[in-house]
PDB file of N, CA and C in Angstrom:
ATOM      1  N   MET A   1      37.953 -17.147 -25.371  1.00  0.00           N
ATOM      2  CA  MET A   1      38.716 -18.380 -25.350  1.00  0.00           C
ATOM      3  C   MET A   1      39.431 -18.523 -26.686  1.00  0.00           C
ATOM      4  N   GLY A   2      40.718 -18.858 -26.640  1.00  0.00           N
ATOM      5  CA  GLY A   2      41.492 -19.040 -27.852  1.00  0.00           C
ATOM      6  C   GLY A   2      41.811 -20.495 -28.092  1.00  0.00           C
ATOM      7  N   VAL A   3      42.357 -20.754 -29.251  1.00  0.00           N
ATOM      8  CA  VAL A   3      42.788 -22.112 -29.576  1.00  0.00           C
ATOM      9  C   VAL A   3      44.291 -22.101 -29.807  1.00  0.00           C
ATOM     10  N   THR A   4      44.909 -23.231 -29.523  1.00  0.00           N
ATOM     11  CA  THR A   4      46.347 -23.365 -29.668  1.00  0.00           C
ATOM     12  C   THR A   4      46.656 -24.569 -30.545  1.00  0.00           C
ATOM     13  N   PHE A   5      47.462 -24.357 -31.553  1.00  0.00           N
ATOM     14  CA  PHE A   5      47.928 -25.430 -32.419  1.00  0.00           C
ATOM     15  C   PHE A   5      49.440 -25.554 -32.274  1.00  0.00           C
ATOM     16  N   VAL A   6      49.942 -26.796 -32.285  1.00  0.00           N
ATOM     17  CA  VAL A   6      51.379 -27.046 -32.271  1.00  0.00           C
ATOM     18  C   VAL A   6      51.694 -28.149 -33.275  1.00  0.00           C
ATOM     19  N   ASN A   7      52.920 -28.171 -33.737  1.00  0.00           N
ATOM     20  CA  ASN A   7      53.390 -29.248 -34.604  1.00  0.00           C
ATOM     21  C   ASN A   7      54.160 -30.250 -33.766  1.00  0.00           C
ATOM     22  N   VAL A   8      53.781 -31.506 -33.867  1.00  0.00           N
ATOM     23  CA  VAL A   8      54.487 -32.597 -33.196  1.00  0.00           C
ATOM     24  C   VAL A   8      54.955 -33.583 -34.255  1.00  0.00           C
ATOM     25  N   VAL A   9      55.970 -34.348 -33.914  1.00  0.00           N
ATOM     26  CA  VAL A   9      56.426 -35.415 -34.799  1.00  0.00           C
ATOM     27  C   VAL A   9      55.950 -36.734 -34.210  1.00  0.00           C
ATOM     28  N   ILE A  10      55.321 -37.535 -35.050  1.00  0.00           N
ATOM     29  CA  ILE A  10      54.807 -38.848 -34.650  1.00  0.00           C
ATOM     30  C   ILE A  10      55.723 -39.908 -35.241  1.00  0.00           C
ATOM     31  N   LYS A  11      56.091 -40.896 -34.421  1.00  0.00           N
ATOM     32  CA  LYS A  11      56.907 -42.021 -34.872  1.00  0.00           C
ATOM     33  C   LYS A  11      56.321 -43.322 -34.327  1.00  0.00           C
ATOM     34  N   LYS A  12      56.773 -44.423 -34.909  1.00  0.00           N
ATOM     35  CA  LYS A  12      56.341 -45.742 -34.432  1.00  0.00           C
ATOM     36  C   LYS A  12      56.995 -46.075 -33.088  1.00  0.00           C
ATOM     37  N   SER A  13      58.255 -45.661 -32.928  1.00  0.00           N
ATOM     38  CA  SER A  13      58.996 -45.939 -31.698  1.00  0.00           C
ATOM     39  C   SER A  13      60.100 -44.896 -31.542  1.00  0.00           C
ATOM     40  N   ALA A  14      60.757 -44.922 -30.409  1.00  0.00           N
ATOM     41  CA  ALA A  14      61.857 -43.977 -30.169  1.00  0.00           C
ATOM     42  C   ALA A  14      62.994 -44.182 -31.157  1.00  0.00           C
ATOM     43  N   ARG A  15      63.184 -45.406 -31.604  1.00  0.00           N
ATOM     44  CA  ARG A  15      64.290 -45.724 -32.514  1.00  0.00           C
ATOM     45  C   ARG A  15      63.942 -45.556 -33.988  1.00  0.00           C
ATOM     46  N   ALA A  16      62.671 -45.344 -34.276  1.00  0.00           N
ATOM     47  CA  ALA A  16      62.246 -45.225 -35.676  1.00  0.00           C
ATOM     48  C   ALA A  16      62.925 -44.032 -36.334  1.00  0.00           C
ATOM     49  N   ARG A  17      63.412 -44.235 -37.529  1.00  0.00           N
ATOM     50  CA  ARG A  17      64.061 -43.147 -38.264  1.00  0.00           C
ATOM     51  C   ARG A  17      63.044 -42.245 -38.935  1.00  0.00           C
ATOM     52  N   ARG A  18      61.942 -42.840 -39.327  1.00  0.00           N
ATOM     53  CA  ARG A  18      60.924 -42.097 -40.062  1.00  0.00           C
ATOM     54  C   ARG A  18      59.870 -41.545 -39.106  1.00  0.00           C
ATOM     55  N   GLY A  19      59.547 -40.281 -39.298  1.00  0.00           N
ATOM     56  CA  GLY A  19      58.500 -39.646 -38.512  1.00  0.00           C
ATOM     57  C   GLY A  19      57.672 -38.750 -39.412  1.00  0.00           C
ATOM     58  N   GLU A  20      56.564 -38.306 -38.886  1.00  0.00           N
ATOM     59  CA  GLU A  20      55.655 -37.457 -39.654  1.00  0.00           C
ATOM     60  C   GLU A  20      55.280 -36.259 -38.787  1.00  0.00           C
ATOM     61  N   SER A  21      55.487 -35.045 -39.309  1.00  0.00           N
ATOM     62  CA  SER A  21      55.090 -33.836 -38.603  1.00  0.00           C
ATOM     63  C   SER A  21      53.585 -33.637 -38.780  1.00  0.00           C
ATOM     64  N   VAL A  22      52.890 -33.406 -37.664  1.00  0.00           N
ATOM     65  CA  VAL A  22      51.443 -33.266 -37.679  1.00  0.00           C
ATOM     66  C   VAL A  22      51.062 -32.031 -36.862  1.00  0.00           C
ATOM     67  N   GLU A  23      50.187 -31.191 -37.410  1.00  0.00           N
ATOM     68  CA  GLU A  23      49.674 -30.050 -36.664  1.00  0.00           C
ATOM     69  C   GLU A  23      48.479 -30.517 -35.839  1.00  0.00           C
ATOM     70  N   CYS A  24      48.537 -30.265 -34.535  1.00  0.00           N
ATOM     71  CA  CYS A  24      47.489 -30.707 -33.625  1.00  0.00           C
ATOM     72  C   CYS A  24      46.887 -29.525 -32.871  1.00  0.00           C
ATOM     73  N   LEU A  25      45.592 -29.592 -32.650  1.00  0.00           N
ATOM     74  CA  LEU A  25      44.926 -28.678 -31.742  1.00  0.00           C
ATOM     75  C   LEU A  25      45.212 -29.171 -30.326  1.00  0.00           C
ATOM     76  N   VAL A  26      45.737 -28.306 -29.469  1.00  0.00           N
ATOM     77  CA  VAL A  26      45.969 -28.687 -28.075  1.00  0.00           C
ATOM     78  C   VAL A  26      44.621 -28.616 -27.371  1.00  0.00           C
ATOM     79  N   ASP A  27      44.157 -29.759 -26.883  1.00  0.00           N
ATOM     80  CA  ASP A  27      42.830 -29.846 -26.276  1.00  0.00           C
ATOM     81  C   ASP A  27      42.963 -30.346 -24.843  1.00  0.00           C
ATOM     82  N   SER A  28      42.947 -29.404 -23.897  1.00  0.00           N
ATOM     83  CA  SER A  28      43.105 -29.775 -22.490  1.00  0.00           C
ATOM     84  C   SER A  28      41.864 -30.463 -21.932  1.00  0.00           C
ATOM     85  N   GLY A  29      40.807 -30.573 -22.737  1.00  0.00           N
ATOM     86  CA  GLY A  29      39.606 -31.291 -22.322  1.00  0.00           C
ATOM     87  C   GLY A  29      39.536 -32.702 -22.880  1.00  0.00           C
ATOM     88  N   ALA A  30      40.505 -33.060 -23.719  1.00  0.00           N
ATOM     89  CA  ALA A  30      40.542 -34.403 -24.318  1.00  0.00           C
ATOM     90  C   ALA A  30      41.551 -35.266 -23.570  1.00  0.00           C
ATOM     91  N   HIS A  31      41.153 -36.471 -23.236  1.00  0.00           N
ATOM     92  CA  HIS A  31      42.088 -37.379 -22.560  1.00  0.00           C
ATOM     93  C   HIS A  31      43.215 -37.782 -23.504  1.00  0.00           C
ATOM     94  N   TYR A  32      42.848 -38.303 -24.661  1.00  0.00           N
ATOM     95  CA  TYR A  32      43.841 -38.867 -25.580  1.00  0.00           C
ATOM     96  C   TYR A  32      44.075 -37.981 -26.791  1.00  0.00           C
ATOM     97  N   SER A  33      45.234 -38.127 -27.371  1.00  0.00           N
ATOM     98  CA  SER A  33      45.533 -37.473 -28.640  1.00  0.00           C
ATOM     99  C   SER A  33      44.853 -38.257 -29.747  1.00  0.00           C
ATOM    100  N   ALA A  34      44.520 -37.564 -30.828  1.00  0.00           N
ATOM    101  CA  ALA A  34      43.899 -38.202 -31.989  1.00  0.00           C
ATOM    102  C   ALA A  34      44.715 -37.828 -33.221  1.00  0.00           C
ATOM    103  N   ILE A  35      45.198 -38.839 -33.906  1.00  0.00           N
ATOM    104  CA  ILE A  35      46.020 -38.667 -35.106  1.00  0.00           C
ATOM    105  C   ILE A  35      45.322 -39.388 -36.247  1.00  0.00           C
ATOM    106  N   PRO A  36      45.270 -38.771 -37.434  1.00  0.00           N
ATOM    107  CA  PRO A  36      44.581 -39.428 -38.559  1.00  0.00           C
ATOM    108  C   PRO A  36      45.127 -40.830 -38.846  1.00  0.00           C
ATOM    109  N   ARG A  37      44.204 -41.744 -39.060  1.00  0.00           N
ATOM    110  CA  ARG A  37      44.566 -43.137 -39.344  1.00  0.00           C
ATOM    111  C   ARG A  37      45.571 -43.258 -40.494  1.00  0.00           C
ATOM    112  N   PRO A  38      45.398 -42.517 -41.628  1.00  0.00           N
ATOM    113  CA  PRO A  38      46.371 -42.652 -42.720  1.00  0.00           C
ATOM    114  C   PRO A  38      47.809 -42.307 -42.301  1.00  0.00           C
ATOM    115  N   THR A  39      47.958 -41.334 -41.414  1.00  0.00           N
ATOM    116  CA  THR A  39      49.295 -40.974 -40.918  1.00  0.00           C
ATOM    117  C   THR A  39      49.878 -42.115 -40.106  1.00  0.00           C
ATOM    118  N   LEU A  40      49.071 -42.679 -39.209  1.00  0.00           N
ATOM    119  CA  LEU A  40      49.539 -43.800 -38.382  1.00  0.00           C
ATOM    120  C   LEU A  40      49.891 -45.005 -39.252  1.00  0.00           C
ATOM    121  N   LYS A  41      49.033 -45.301 -40.220  1.00  0.00           N
ATOM    122  CA  LYS A  41      49.259 -46.439 -41.108  1.00  0.00           C
ATOM    123  C   LYS A  41      50.559 -46.261 -41.900  1.00  0.00           C
ATOM    124  N   LYS A  42      50.797 -45.054 -42.394  1.00  0.00           N
ATOM    125  CA  LYS A  42      52.009 -44.740 -43.163  1.00  0.00           C
ATOM    126  C   LYS A  42      53.278 -45.013 -42.348  1.00  0.00           C
ATOM    127  N   LEU A  43      53.177 -44.804 -41.025  1.00  0.00           N
ATOM    128  CA  LEU A  43      54.319 -45.009 -40.134  1.00  0.00           C
ATOM    129  C   LEU A  43      54.413 -46.436 -39.596  1.00  0.00           C
ATOM    130  N   GLY A  44      53.463 -47.289 -39.989  1.00  0.00           N
ATOM    131  CA  GLY A  44      53.466 -48.679 -39.524  1.00  0.00           C
ATOM    132  C   GLY A  44      52.875 -48.854 -38.143  1.00  0.00           C
ATOM    133  N   ILE A  45      52.120 -47.871 -37.673  1.00  0.00           N
ATOM    134  CA  ILE A  45      51.483 -47.947 -36.351  1.00  0.00           C
ATOM    135  C   ILE A  45      50.116 -48.592 -36.513  1.00  0.00           C
ATOM    136  N   ARG A  46      49.927 -49.725 -35.842  1.00  0.00           N
ATOM    137  CA  ARG A  46      48.699 -50.497 -35.995  1.00  0.00           C
ATOM    138  C   ARG A  46      47.827 -50.416 -34.736  1.00  0.00           C
ATOM    139  N   PRO A  47      46.504 -50.445 -34.926  1.00  0.00           N
ATOM    140  CA  PRO A  47      45.586 -50.411 -33.771  1.00  0.00           C
ATOM    141  C   PRO A  47      45.801 -51.605 -32.849  1.00  0.00           C
ATOM    142  N   LYS A  48      45.550 -51.381 -31.552  1.00  0.00           N
ATOM    143  CA  LYS A  48      45.712 -52.428 -30.541  1.00  0.00           C
ATOM    144  C   LYS A  48      44.417 -52.724 -29.793  1.00  0.00           C
ATOM    145  N   GLY A  49      43.333 -52.070 -30.171  1.00  0.00           N
ATOM    146  CA  GLY A  49      42.055 -52.280 -29.490  1.00  0.00           C
ATOM    147  C   GLY A  49      41.110 -51.140 -29.800  1.00  0.00           C
ATOM    148  N   LYS A  50      39.922 -51.184 -29.182  1.00  0.00           N
ATOM    149  CA  LYS A  50      38.909 -50.154 -29.393  1.00  0.00           C
ATOM    150  C   LYS A  50      38.449 -49.598 -28.058  1.00  0.00           C
ATOM    151  N   ARG A  51      38.021 -48.336 -28.077  1.00  0.00           N
ATOM    152  CA  ARG A  51      37.438 -47.692 -26.904  1.00  0.00           C
ATOM    153  C   ARG A  51      36.206 -46.915 -27.336  1.00  0.00           C
ATOM    154  N   SER A  52      35.280 -46.724 -26.415  1.00  0.00           N
ATOM    155  CA  SER A  52      34.088 -45.921 -26.661  1.00  0.00           C
ATOM    156  C   SER A  52      34.296 -44.523 -26.082  1.00  0.00           C
ATOM    157  N   PHE A  53      33.744 -43.529 -26.769  1.00  0.00           N
ATOM    158  CA  PHE A  53      33.865 -42.136 -26.344  1.00  0.00           C
ATOM    159  C   PHE A  53      32.510 -41.456 -26.437  1.00  0.00           C
ATOM    160  N   ILE A  54      32.271 -40.524 -25.535  1.00  0.00           N
ATOM    161  CA  ILE A  54      31.065 -39.704 -25.581  1.00  0.00           C
ATOM    162  C   ILE A  54      31.475 -38.320 -26.069  1.00  0.00           C
ATOM    163  N   LEU A  55      30.804 -37.845 -27.107  1.00  0.00           N
ATOM    164  CA  LEU A  55      31.098 -36.542 -27.677  1.00  0.00           C
ATOM    165  C   LEU A  55      30.345 -35.443 -26.927  1.00  0.00           C
ATOM    166  N   ALA A  56      30.707 -34.192 -27.208  1.00  0.00           N
ATOM    167  CA  ALA A  56      30.102 -33.044 -26.529  1.00  0.00           C
ATOM    168  C   ALA A  56      28.578 -33.010 -26.690  1.00  0.00           C
ATOM    169  N   ASP A  57      28.070 -33.527 -27.814  1.00  0.00           N
ATOM    170  CA  ASP A  57      26.612 -33.517 -28.032  1.00  0.00           C
ATOM    171  C   ASP A  57      25.910 -34.708 -27.392  1.00  0.00           C
ATOM    172  N   GLY A  58      26.670 -35.548 -26.675  1.00  0.00           N
ATOM    173  CA  GLY A  58      26.099 -36.697 -25.983  1.00  0.00           C
ATOM    174  C   GLY A  58      26.108 -37.985 -26.787  1.00  0.00           C
ATOM    175  N   SER A  59      26.454 -37.895 -28.074  1.00  0.00           N
ATOM    176  CA  SER A  59      26.496 -39.115 -28.890  1.00  0.00           C
ATOM    177  C   SER A  59      27.725 -39.950 -28.533  1.00  0.00           C
ATOM    178  N   LYS A  60      27.628 -41.243 -28.821  1.00  0.00           N
ATOM    179  CA  LYS A  60      28.684 -42.187 -28.473  1.00  0.00           C
ATOM    180  C   LYS A  60      29.318 -42.719 -29.756  1.00  0.00           C
ATOM    181  N   ILE A  61      30.653 -42.790 -29.777  1.00  0.00           N
ATOM    182  CA  ILE A  61      31.378 -43.344 -30.928  1.00  0.00           C
ATOM    183  C   ILE A  61      32.416 -44.338 -30.430  1.00  0.00           C
ATOM    184  N   GLU A  62      32.885 -45.179 -31.321  1.00  0.00           N
ATOM    185  CA  GLU A  62      33.996 -46.096 -31.037  1.00  0.00           C
ATOM    186  C   GLU A  62      35.148 -45.744 -31.958  1.00  0.00           C
ATOM    187  N   ARG A  63      36.348 -45.821 -31.418  1.00  0.00           N
ATOM    188  CA  ARG A  63      37.544 -45.591 -32.218  1.00  0.00           C
ATOM    189  C   ARG A  63      38.605 -46.612 -31.827  1.00  0.00           C
ATOM    190  N   GLU A  64      39.395 -47.000 -32.819  1.00  0.00           N
ATOM    191  CA  GLU A  64      40.526 -47.870 -32.530  1.00  0.00           C
ATOM    192  C   GLU A  64      41.622 -47.060 -31.862  1.00  0.00           C
ATOM    193  N   MET A  65      42.409 -47.751 -31.037  1.00  0.00           N
ATOM    194  CA  MET A  65      43.483 -47.122 -30.277  1.00  0.00           C
ATOM    195  C   MET A  65      44.809 -47.758 -30.668  1.00  0.00           C
ATOM    196  N   ALA A  66      45.875 -46.979 -30.533  1.00  0.00           N
ATOM    197  CA  ALA A  66      47.216 -47.478 -30.839  1.00  0.00           C
ATOM    198  C   ALA A  66      48.197 -46.809 -29.868  1.00  0.00           C
ATOM    199  N   TYR A  67      49.464 -47.104 -30.060  1.00  0.00           N
ATOM    200  CA  TYR A  67      50.535 -46.469 -29.293  1.00  0.00           C
ATOM    201  C   TYR A  67      51.483 -45.829 -30.281  1.00  0.00           C
ATOM    202  N   ALA A  68      51.847 -44.580 -30.013  1.00  0.00           N
ATOM    203  CA  ALA A  68      52.756 -43.853 -30.897  1.00  0.00           C
ATOM    204  C   ALA A  68      53.781 -43.121 -30.044  1.00  0.00           C
ATOM    205  N   PHE A  69      54.833 -42.688 -30.690  1.00  0.00           N
ATOM    206  CA  PHE A  69      55.897 -41.951 -30.025  1.00  0.00           C
ATOM    207  C   PHE A  69      55.790 -40.500 -30.476  1.00  0.00           C
ATOM    208  N   PHE A  70      55.696 -39.572 -29.531  1.00  0.00           N
ATOM    209  CA  PHE A  70      55.527 -38.153 -29.816  1.00  0.00           C
ATOM    210  C   PHE A  70      56.813 -37.392 -29.525  1.00  0.00           C
ATOM    211  N   GLU A  71      57.152 -36.430 -30.381  1.00  0.00           N
ATOM    212  CA  GLU A  71      58.287 -35.538 -30.156  1.00  0.00           C
ATOM    213  C   GLU A  71      57.813 -34.103 -30.300  1.00  0.00           C
ATOM    214  N   PHE A  72      58.247 -33.250 -29.350  1.00  0.00           N
ATOM    215  CA  PHE A  72      57.893 -31.832 -29.386  1.00  0.00           C
ATOM    216  C   PHE A  72      59.003 -31.022 -28.732  1.00  0.00           C
ATOM    217  N   GLU A  73      59.633 -30.156 -29.495  1.00  0.00           N
ATOM    218  CA  GLU A  73      60.648 -29.230 -28.999  1.00  0.00           C
ATOM    219  C   GLU A  73      61.651 -29.888 -28.053  1.00  0.00           C
ATOM    220  N   GLY A  74      62.260 -30.966 -28.508  1.00  0.00           N
ATOM    221  CA  GLY A  74      63.302 -31.642 -27.738  1.00  0.00           C
ATOM    222  C   GLY A  74      62.806 -32.634 -26.705  1.00  0.00           C
ATOM    223  N   ARG A  75      61.522 -32.743 -26.549  1.00  0.00           N
ATOM    224  CA  ARG A  75      60.942 -33.708 -25.612  1.00  0.00           C
ATOM    225  C   ARG A  75      60.370 -34.868 -26.414  1.00  0.00           C
ATOM    226  N   SER A  76      60.377 -36.056 -25.825  1.00  0.00           N
ATOM    227  CA  SER A  76      59.807 -37.204 -26.519  1.00  0.00           C
ATOM    228  C   SER A  76      59.226 -38.179 -25.499  1.00  0.00           C
ATOM    229  N   ALA A  77      58.142 -38.848 -25.920  1.00  0.00           N
ATOM    230  CA  ALA A  77      57.491 -39.809 -25.028  1.00  0.00           C
ATOM    231  C   ALA A  77      56.524 -40.675 -25.828  1.00  0.00           C
ATOM    232  N   PRO A  78      56.339 -41.934 -25.382  1.00  0.00           N
ATOM    233  CA  PRO A  78      55.289 -42.779 -25.971  1.00  0.00           C
ATOM    234  C   PRO A  78      53.951 -42.394 -25.357  1.00  0.00           C
ATOM    235  N   SER A  79      52.874 -42.598 -26.113  1.00  0.00           N
ATOM    236  CA  SER A  79      51.552 -42.270 -25.591  1.00  0.00           C
ATOM    237  C   SER A  79      50.477 -43.051 -26.334  1.00  0.00           C
ATOM    238  N   THR A  80      49.365 -43.242 -25.667  1.00  0.00           N
ATOM    239  CA  THR A  80      48.184 -43.828 -26.286  1.00  0.00           C
ATOM    240  C   THR A  80      47.612 -42.812 -27.259  1.00  0.00           C
ATOM    241  N   VAL A  81      47.120 -43.295 -28.393  1.00  0.00           N
ATOM    242  CA  VAL A  81      46.587 -42.396 -29.415  1.00  0.00           C
ATOM    243  C   VAL A  81      45.319 -42.987 -30.028  1.00  0.00           C
ATOM    244  N   ILE A  82      44.362 -42.109 -30.326  1.00  0.00           N
ATOM    245  CA  ILE A  82      43.149 -42.503 -31.040  1.00  0.00           C
ATOM    246  C   ILE A  82      43.474 -42.522 -32.529  1.00  0.00           C
ATOM    247  N   CYS A  83      43.041 -43.572 -33.211  1.00  0.00           N
ATOM    248  CA  CYS A  83      43.196 -43.658 -34.664  1.00  0.00           C
ATOM    249  C   CYS A  83      42.049 -42.857 -35.278  1.00  0.00           C
ATOM    250  N   GLY A  84      42.330 -41.630 -35.665  1.00  0.00           N
ATOM    251  CA  GLY A  84      41.305 -40.718 -36.143  1.00  0.00           C
ATOM    252  C   GLY A  84      40.704 -41.140 -37.475  1.00  0.00           C
ATOM    253  N   GLU A  85      39.399 -40.997 -37.561  1.00  0.00           N
ATOM    254  CA  GLU A  85      38.666 -41.286 -38.790  1.00  0.00           C
ATOM    255  C   GLU A  85      38.428 -39.986 -39.553  1.00  0.00           C
ATOM    256  N   GLU A  86      37.960 -40.099 -40.791  1.00  0.00           N
ATOM    257  CA  GLU A  86      37.668 -38.921 -41.587  1.00  0.00           C
ATOM    258  C   GLU A  86      36.670 -38.031 -40.839  1.00  0.00           C
ATOM    259  N   GLY A  87      36.979 -36.744 -40.747  1.00  0.00           N
ATOM    260  CA  GLY A  87      36.121 -35.806 -40.041  1.00  0.00           C
ATOM    261  C   GLY A  87      36.512 -35.581 -38.594  1.00  0.00           C
ATOM    262  N   ASP A  88      37.360 -36.442 -38.028  1.00  0.00           N
ATOM    263  CA  ASP A  88      37.831 -36.260 -36.654  1.00  0.00           C
ATOM    264  C   ASP A  88      38.908 -35.175 -36.621  1.00  0.00           C
ATOM    265  N   ALA A  89      38.918 -34.400 -35.547  1.00  0.00           N
ATOM    266  CA  ALA A  89      39.962 -33.399 -35.357  1.00  0.00           C
ATOM    267  C   ALA A  89      41.274 -34.086 -34.991  1.00  0.00           C
ATOM    268  N   THR A  90      42.386 -33.459 -35.347  1.00  0.00           N
ATOM    269  CA  THR A  90      43.712 -33.927 -34.950  1.00  0.00           C
ATOM    270  C   THR A  90      44.039 -33.220 -33.638  1.00  0.00           C
ATOM    271  N   LEU A  91      44.145 -33.993 -32.550  1.00  0.00           N
ATOM    272  CA  LEU A  91      44.249 -33.423 -31.212  1.00  0.00           C
ATOM    273  C   LEU A  91      45.504 -33.865 -30.477  1.00  0.00           C
ATOM    274  N   LEU A  92      45.988 -32.986 -29.613  1.00  0.00           N
ATOM    275  CA  LEU A  92      47.021 -33.325 -28.648  1.00  0.00           C
ATOM    276  C   LEU A  92      46.339 -33.257 -27.289  1.00  0.00           C
ATOM    277  N   GLY A  93      46.091 -34.431 -26.691  1.00  0.00           N
ATOM    278  CA  GLY A  93      45.329 -34.525 -25.450  1.00  0.00           C
ATOM    279  C   GLY A  93      46.189 -34.509 -24.200  1.00  0.00           C
ATOM    280  N   VAL A  94      45.511 -34.507 -23.066  1.00  0.00           N
ATOM    281  CA  VAL A  94      46.150 -34.366 -21.763  1.00  0.00           C
ATOM    282  C   VAL A  94      47.111 -35.514 -21.447  1.00  0.00           C
ATOM    283  N   VAL A  95      46.750 -36.739 -21.787  1.00  0.00           N
ATOM    284  CA  VAL A  95      47.634 -37.873 -21.484  1.00  0.00           C
ATOM    285  C   VAL A  95      48.995 -37.662 -22.163  1.00  0.00           C
ATOM    286  N   THR A  96      48.985 -37.297 -23.432  1.00  0.00           N
ATOM    287  CA  THR A  96      50.243 -37.071 -24.154  1.00  0.00           C
ATOM    288  C   THR A  96      50.983 -35.868 -23.574  1.00  0.00           C
ATOM    289  N   LEU A  97      50.260 -34.799 -23.277  1.00  0.00           N
ATOM    290  CA  LEU A  97      50.905 -33.627 -22.676  1.00  0.00           C
ATOM    291  C   LEU A  97      51.620 -34.005 -21.385  1.00  0.00           C
ATOM    292  N   GLU A  98      50.939 -34.765 -20.536  1.00  0.00           N
ATOM    293  CA  GLU A  98      51.554 -35.172 -19.273  1.00  0.00           C
ATOM    294  C   GLU A  98      52.738 -36.096 -19.499  1.00  0.00           C
ATOM    295  N   GLU A  99      52.642 -36.980 -20.480  1.00  0.00           N
ATOM    296  CA  GLU A  99      53.782 -37.849 -20.804  1.00  0.00           C
ATOM    297  C   GLU A  99      54.999 -37.023 -21.217  1.00  0.00           C
ATOM    298  N   LEU A 100      54.742 -35.901 -21.891  1.00  0.00           N
ATOM    299  CA  LEU A 100      55.818 -35.004 -22.333  1.00  0.00           C
ATOM    300  C   LEU A 100      56.249 -34.026 -21.237  1.00  0.00           C
ATOM    301  N   GLY A 101      55.538 -34.023 -20.107  1.00  0.00           N
ATOM    302  CA  GLY A 101      55.858 -33.101 -19.016  1.00  0.00           C
ATOM    303  C   GLY A 101      55.440 -31.677 -19.320  1.00  0.00           C
ATOM    304  N   LEU A 102      54.336 -31.534 -20.053  1.00  0.00           N
ATOM    305  CA  LEU A 102      53.868 -30.218 -20.480  1.00  0.00           C
ATOM    306  C   LEU A 102      52.423 -29.969 -20.067  1.00  0.00           C
ATOM    307  N   MET A 103      52.057 -28.697 -20.056  1.00  0.00           N
ATOM    308  CA  MET A 103      50.675 -28.290 -19.836  1.00  0.00           C
ATOM    309  C   MET A 103      50.381 -27.092 -20.725  1.00  0.00           C
ATOM    310  N   LEU A 104      49.108 -26.857 -20.971  1.00  0.00           N
ATOM    311  CA  LEU A 104      48.689 -25.703 -21.746  1.00  0.00           C
ATOM    312  C   LEU A 104      48.516 -24.508 -20.826  1.00  0.00           C
ATOM    313  N   ASP A 105      49.205 -23.416 -21.134  1.00  0.00           N
ATOM    314  CA  ASP A 105      48.992 -22.148 -20.440  1.00  0.00           C
ATOM    315  C   ASP A 105      47.877 -21.452 -21.206  1.00  0.00           C
ATOM    316  N   PRO A 106      46.653 -21.415 -20.656  1.00  0.00           N
ATOM    317  CA  PRO A 106      45.511 -20.887 -21.409  1.00  0.00           C
ATOM    318  C   PRO A 106      45.577 -19.378 -21.648  1.00  0.00           C
ATOM    319  N   LEU A 107      46.315 -18.660 -20.826  1.00  0.00           N
ATOM    320  CA  LEU A 107      46.416 -17.214 -21.013  1.00  0.00           C
ATOM    321  C   LEU A 107      47.395 -16.853 -22.126  1.00  0.00           C
ATOM    322  N   LYS A 108      48.523 -17.539 -22.154  1.00  0.00           N
ATOM    323  CA  LYS A 108      49.527 -17.274 -23.189  1.00  0.00           C
ATOM    324  C   LYS A 108      49.325 -18.122 -24.435  1.00  0.00           C
ATOM    325  N   ARG A 109      48.427 -19.123 -24.322  1.00  0.00           N
ATOM    326  CA  ARG A 109      48.138 -20.042 -25.423  1.00  0.00           C
ATOM    327  C   ARG A 109      49.409 -20.720 -25.932  1.00  0.00           C
ATOM    328  N   GLU A 110      50.182 -21.252 -24.981  1.00  0.00           N
ATOM    329  CA  GLU A 110      51.397 -21.980 -25.323  1.00  0.00           C
ATOM    330  C   GLU A 110      51.616 -23.119 -24.338  1.00  0.00           C
ATOM    331  N   LEU A 111      52.448 -24.063 -24.738  1.00  0.00           N
ATOM    332  CA  LEU A 111      52.773 -25.180 -23.853  1.00  0.00           C
ATOM    333  C   LEU A 111      53.946 -24.787 -22.982  1.00  0.00           C
ATOM    334  N   ARG A 112      53.883 -25.191 -21.719  1.00  0.00           N
ATOM    335  CA  ARG A 112      55.003 -24.934 -20.823  1.00  0.00           C
ATOM    336  C   ARG A 112      55.235 -26.150 -19.938  1.00  0.00           C
ATOM    337  N   GLU A 113      56.429 -26.214 -19.402  1.00  0.00           N
ATOM    338  CA  GLU A 113      56.837 -27.345 -18.569  1.00  0.00           C
ATOM    339  C   GLU A 113      56.038 -27.356 -17.267  1.00  0.00           C
ATOM    340  N   ILE A 114      55.673 -28.567 -16.838  1.00  0.00           N
ATOM    341  CA  ILE A 114      55.013 -28.714 -15.551  1.00  0.00           C
ATOM    342  C   ILE A 114      55.993 -29.374 -14.585  1.00  0.00           C
ATOM    343  N   PRO A 115      55.952 -28.980 -13.320  1.00  0.00           N
ATOM    344  CA  PRO A 115      56.796 -29.660 -12.345  1.00  0.00           C
ATOM    345  C   PRO A 115      56.261 -31.059 -12.112  1.00  0.00           C
ATOM    346  N   LEU A 116      57.132 -32.030 -12.145  1.00  0.00           N
ATOM    347  CA  LEU A 116      56.723 -33.419 -11.936  1.00  0.00           C
ATOM    348  C   LEU A 116      56.980 -33.788 -10.471  1.00  0.00           C
ATOM    349  N   LEU A 117      55.992 -34.371  -9.853  1.00  0.00           N
ATOM    350  CA  LEU A 117      56.093 -34.742  -8.441  1.00  0.00           C
ATOM    351  C   LEU A 117      56.281 -36.241  -8.326  1.00  0.00           C
ATOM    352  N   LEU A 118      57.200 -36.644  -7.486  1.00  0.00           N
ATOM    353  CA  LEU A 118      57.425 -38.056  -7.213  1.00  0.00           C
ATOM    354  C   LEU A 118      56.933 -38.320  -5.806  1.00  0.00           C
ATOM    355  N   MET A 119      55.768 -38.962  -5.713  1.00  0.00           N
ATOM    356  CA  MET A 119      55.160 -39.176  -4.395  1.00  0.00           C
ATOM    357  C   MET A 119      54.938 -40.640  -4.141  1.00  0.00           C
TER     358      MET A 119
END
C-alpha cells in the first residue's frame, strides 16, 4: 500500500485573494479534510462547531469544524474541514475529493476525475 500527497490551495472563499498552499495526505478512509488550525486562522477561517471522531485505535476525540475553499489543478470547491490540532495529520478527505469531482486511483497513486451522476 502506498501513500499519496498533493498540494492544494486553501482560501476563505472563492473570491478571497489570499490563499495558502498546503501539502495533504490523500486519505480515502477519512470523511473530512483536516487542515492545521494556524493555517485556517491566518486565512481568517473561523470554526463553526465541534464534532466527535473515533480514531483507528478506538479512542474518541473532538475537533472544531469550519468551512474552507479548496483549489486543486484548476478545480475549486467549498468543503467542510477539521481544524487540525498539533500532532494531527494534514488530510484531504473523501468529502472534499467528491466536492472537487475527484477520486484516488490507488494503483497509480494519483487523483483522477470521477463521473458525476445526476439522479
